[in-house]
Amino acid sequence: MNGSRRRRERPRLVMFALSMTLVLSACAGGDDVVGIVTPTPTNDLSQPVISLADGPCAGGRLTVGALAEMQAAWEQEITGAQAAATAWQEDAKLVEAQVGCAFLGPGVEVKGRFYSGEARAYFASYTGVTTPIDPGVPEPPVLDTAPVSFERIAETLLAEGVDPTAEIHPTSGINVRYNGTSTPFGPPGTPAETIIIHVIVVTDGDARDLFIETTNWQTISFS
């Protein structure tokens, strides 16, 4: 008799367990579902507006062939970075920049490094961290972004024989710096007093480390 009653009660227990599962699943629904991330709309002009699907960072990767599409995003991001630096110190001037695809969000990201003579310190626009410089260290030259053309960067790399599907290394991105006396940047033979673009391009797992001087738009490498 006891065995017969347990067999009759077992389906009831199963139905109860299923009902509780459905109730708990419903309670977990809505905006708090784990694993679903809803982007927060923003009107902040310092934030990238080019989507992963449509912009040069389509799919979260940047290729040489897509570089020509970078100019508008670069200019917008530099403006946002400058605004953050000016809020720190009014005399803050751009001295270095790194551009690439955003790591945890859509679009293009620019990491700017700024210098303030008033504060005698550097400011990283992407972290807000400031770094003082030692007394006697010369001030770094200002990085003029006007000559920076991503269309010319793409043309120079393609003329060097780089495949348009080659990917810009996601960690190093594209570095923009001034090769000056106090701030040397580039391999031996790099023209002085000019803006230098550094990029690592990856094709089928093979990486090429290239520098581009923006006076004559020629490539330079260590090898």
Protein backbone atom coordinates (compact mmCIF):
# COMPACT_ATOMS: atom_id res chain seq x y z
CA MET A 1 0.00 0.00 0.00
CA ASN A 2 2.75 2.49 0.89
CA GLY A 3 4.52 1.80 -2.42
CA SER A 4 1.30 2.43 -4.33
CA ARG A 5 0.76 5.77 -2.58
CA ARG A 6 4.35 6.91 -3.31
CA ARG A 7 3.81 6.13 -7.00
CA ARG A 8 0.63 8.24 -6.99
CA GLU A 9 2.35 11.17 -5.19
CA ARG A 10 5.42 11.24 -7.43
CA PRO A 11 3.67 12.91 -10.44
CA ARG A 12 2.31 15.57 -8.10
CA LEU A 13 5.81 16.35 -6.85
CA VAL A 14 7.12 16.60 -10.40
CA MET A 15 4.33 19.00 -11.38
CA PHE A 16 5.00 21.10 -8.29
CA ALA A 17 8.72 21.31 -9.14
CA LEU A 18 7.94 22.35 -12.70
CA SER A 19 5.50 25.00 -11.47
CA MET A 20 8.09 26.50 -9.11
CA THR A 21 10.64 26.53 -11.91
CA LEU A 22 8.28 28.52 -14.13
CA VAL A 23 7.49 30.97 -11.31
CA LEU A 24 11.17 31.56 -10.56
CA SER A 25 11.95 32.02 -14.26
CA ALA A 26 9.20 34.63 -14.57
CA CYS A 27 10.48 36.48 -11.50
CA ALA A 28 13.95 36.57 -13.03
CA GLY A 29 12.67 38.14 -16.25
CA GLY A 30 12.53 41.81 -17.20
CA ASP A 31 15.47 44.19 -17.06
CA ASP A 32 17.51 42.06 -14.62
CA VAL A 33 18.07 39.03 -16.83
CA VAL A 34 21.67 37.93 -16.37
CA GLY A 35 23.78 37.91 -19.54
CA ILE A 36 21.76 40.51 -21.44
CA VAL A 37 23.39 43.92 -21.67
CA THR A 38 21.33 46.89 -22.80
CA PRO A 39 23.46 49.82 -24.06
CA THR A 40 22.68 53.13 -22.40
CA PRO A 41 21.95 55.89 -24.93
CA THR A 42 24.17 58.94 -24.58
CA ASN A 43 24.38 62.42 -26.04
CA ASP A 44 27.96 62.85 -24.86
CA LEU A 45 29.90 63.93 -27.96
CA SER A 46 33.08 62.48 -26.48
CA GLN A 47 31.65 58.99 -26.94
CA PRO A 48 32.01 57.04 -30.21
CA VAL A 49 28.95 57.08 -32.46
CA ILE A 50 30.04 54.66 -35.18
CA SER A 51 28.50 51.24 -34.64
CA LEU A 52 30.23 47.87 -34.76
CA ALA A 53 28.08 46.91 -37.73
CA ASP A 54 28.62 49.95 -39.94
CA GLY A 55 31.84 51.75 -39.02
CA PRO A 56 35.53 51.10 -39.64
CA CYS A 57 35.55 48.87 -36.54
CA ALA A 58 32.91 46.54 -37.99
CA GLY A 59 32.89 43.32 -36.01
CA GLY A 60 35.27 44.81 -33.46
CA ARG A 61 38.31 44.74 -35.74
CA LEU A 62 40.04 47.37 -37.84
CA THR A 63 41.56 46.52 -41.22
CA VAL A 64 43.89 48.51 -43.44
CA GLY A 65 41.14 48.79 -46.05
CA ALA A 66 38.83 50.47 -43.51
CA LEU A 67 41.33 53.11 -42.37
CA ALA A 68 40.05 55.71 -44.82
CA GLU A 69 36.74 55.69 -42.92
CA MET A 70 38.42 56.63 -39.64
CA GLN A 71 38.87 60.37 -40.12
CA ALA A 72 35.51 61.61 -38.79
CA ALA A 73 35.62 59.34 -35.74
CA TRP A 74 39.24 60.33 -35.05
CA GLU A 75 38.43 64.04 -35.14
CA GLN A 76 35.37 63.59 -32.93
CA GLU A 77 37.22 61.49 -30.37
CA ILE A 78 40.16 63.92 -30.26
CA THR A 79 37.70 66.74 -29.56
CA GLY A 80 36.21 64.76 -26.68
CA ALA A 81 39.64 63.92 -25.27
CA GLN A 82 40.72 67.56 -25.49
CA ALA A 83 37.59 68.62 -23.61
CA ALA A 84 38.45 66.21 -20.79
CA ALA A 85 42.04 67.49 -20.67
CA THR A 86 40.95 71.13 -20.68
CA ALA A 87 38.64 70.41 -17.75
CA TRP A 88 41.77 69.20 -15.93
CA GLN A 89 44.01 72.10 -16.93
CA GLU A 90 43.12 74.90 -19.32
CA ASP A 91 46.58 74.88 -20.91
CA ALA A 92 46.56 71.11 -21.56
CA LYS A 93 47.95 70.27 -25.00
CA LEU A 94 47.94 66.95 -26.85
CA VAL A 95 51.37 65.30 -27.08
CA GLU A 96 50.53 61.66 -27.97
CA ALA A 97 47.54 59.70 -29.23
CA GLN A 98 46.58 56.08 -29.74
CA VAL A 99 43.55 55.16 -31.83
CA GLY A 100 41.82 51.86 -32.42
CA CYS A 101 38.61 49.96 -31.84
CA ALA A 102 36.99 50.30 -28.43
CA PHE A 103 37.66 47.26 -26.24
CA LEU A 104 34.33 46.94 -24.43
CA GLY A 105 32.01 48.98 -26.61
CA PRO A 106 31.16 49.90 -30.17
CA GLY A 107 33.09 52.30 -32.31
CA VAL A 108 36.45 54.03 -32.38
CA GLU A 109 38.44 54.94 -29.28
CA VAL A 110 41.20 57.52 -28.94
CA LYS A 111 43.52 57.50 -25.95
CA GLY A 112 45.10 60.92 -25.68
CA ARG A 113 48.07 61.96 -23.56
CA PHE A 114 48.16 65.64 -22.73
CA TYR A 115 50.69 67.93 -21.06
CA SER A 116 50.18 70.98 -18.91
CA GLY A 117 53.03 73.41 -18.37
CA GLU A 118 51.11 74.99 -15.53
CA ALA A 119 50.82 71.67 -13.67
CA ARG A 120 54.11 70.28 -15.02
CA ALA A 121 52.33 66.97 -15.51
CA TYR A 122 50.84 64.60 -18.05
CA PHE A 123 47.16 63.71 -18.20
CA ALA A 124 45.71 60.52 -19.71
CA SER A 125 42.27 61.35 -21.11
CA TYR A 126 41.11 57.73 -21.03
CA THR A 127 41.90 57.08 -17.35
CA GLY A 128 42.12 60.54 -15.78
CA VAL A 129 45.53 59.65 -14.32
CA THR A 130 48.06 62.48 -13.99
CA THR A 131 51.84 62.01 -13.94
CA PRO A 132 54.19 64.82 -12.83
CA ILE A 133 57.49 65.29 -14.64
CA ASP A 134 60.81 65.81 -12.92
CA PRO A 135 62.28 69.32 -12.63
CA GLY A 136 64.63 70.10 -15.47
CA VAL A 137 62.94 67.76 -17.93
CA PRO A 138 62.09 69.71 -21.10
CA GLU A 139 58.45 70.14 -22.02
CA PRO A 140 57.26 67.83 -24.81
CA PRO A 141 56.31 69.30 -28.18
CA VAL A 142 52.64 69.76 -29.00
CA LEU A 143 51.15 67.18 -31.36
CA ASP A 144 49.44 68.96 -34.23
CA THR A 145 46.70 66.64 -35.50
CA ALA A 146 45.98 68.64 -38.67
CA PRO A 147 48.42 66.64 -40.87
CA VAL A 148 47.02 63.29 -39.69
CA SER A 149 45.09 61.72 -42.55
CA PHE A 150 43.81 58.18 -42.25
CA GLU A 151 43.23 58.07 -45.98
CA ARG A 152 46.92 58.80 -46.52
CA ILE A 153 47.84 56.18 -43.90
CA ALA A 154 45.82 53.59 -45.80
CA GLU A 155 47.31 54.62 -49.16
CA THR A 156 50.86 54.43 -47.76
CA LEU A 157 50.33 50.95 -46.31
CA LEU A 158 48.73 49.67 -49.50
CA ALA A 159 51.61 51.09 -51.55
CA GLU A 160 53.96 49.17 -49.24
CA GLY A 161 52.21 45.97 -50.31
CA VAL A 162 50.11 45.48 -47.19
CA ASP A 163 46.92 43.56 -47.95
CA PRO A 164 43.72 45.61 -47.42
CA THR A 165 42.35 42.76 -45.26
CA ALA A 166 45.35 42.96 -42.91
CA GLU A 167 44.24 43.77 -39.38
CA ILE A 168 45.57 46.59 -37.26
CA HIS A 169 46.92 44.97 -34.10
CA PRO A 170 44.08 45.36 -31.58
CA THR A 171 46.35 45.99 -28.60
CA SER A 172 48.80 48.51 -30.06
CA GLY A 173 46.34 50.26 -32.38
CA ILE A 174 47.69 53.25 -34.30
CA ASN A 175 50.11 55.50 -32.43
CA VAL A 176 50.57 59.14 -33.38
CA ARG A 177 53.58 60.98 -31.97
CA TYR A 178 56.00 63.76 -32.78
CA ASN A 179 59.60 62.75 -33.43
CA GLY A 180 61.47 65.61 -31.80
CA THR A 181 64.85 66.12 -30.23
CA SER A 182 63.53 65.59 -26.71
CA THR A 183 60.97 62.98 -27.77
CA PRO A 184 62.61 60.60 -30.29
CA PHE A 185 60.20 58.16 -31.88
CA GLY A 186 60.94 55.66 -34.62
CA PRO A 187 63.84 53.58 -35.96
CA PRO A 188 67.18 55.05 -37.05
CA GLY A 189 66.76 57.25 -40.09
CA THR A 190 63.32 58.51 -39.11
CA PRO A 191 63.00 62.16 -40.20
CA ALA A 192 63.22 64.53 -37.25
CA GLU A 193 60.75 67.22 -36.29
CA THR A 194 57.80 65.51 -37.95
CA ILE A 195 54.71 63.54 -36.99
CA ILE A 196 55.21 59.78 -37.04
CA ILE A 197 52.51 57.12 -37.30
CA HIS A 198 53.31 53.72 -35.81
CA VAL A 199 51.22 50.69 -36.74
CA ILE A 200 51.49 46.92 -36.48
CA VAL A 201 49.62 45.11 -39.25
CA VAL A 202 48.78 41.42 -38.98
CA THR A 203 48.22 39.14 -41.99
CA ASP A 204 47.57 35.42 -41.47
CA GLY A 205 49.29 35.59 -38.11
CA ASP A 206 52.38 37.42 -39.42
CA ALA A 207 52.95 40.89 -37.93
CA ARG A 208 54.77 43.82 -39.56
CA ASP A 209 55.98 46.72 -37.46
CA LEU A 210 55.85 49.90 -39.57
CA PHE A 211 56.42 53.61 -39.05
CA ILE A 212 55.04 56.24 -41.43
CA GLU A 213 56.50 59.73 -41.65
CA THR A 214 53.90 62.29 -42.58
CA THR A 215 56.10 64.70 -44.52
CA ASN A 216 56.50 62.54 -47.64
CA TRP A 217 54.27 59.68 -46.46
CA GLN A 218 56.92 56.99 -46.62
CA THR A 219 57.24 53.85 -44.48
CA ILE A 220 60.20 53.09 -42.24
CA SER A 221 60.95 49.90 -40.34
CA PHE A 222 63.65 48.52 -38.05
CA SER A 223 64.54 45.70 -40.46
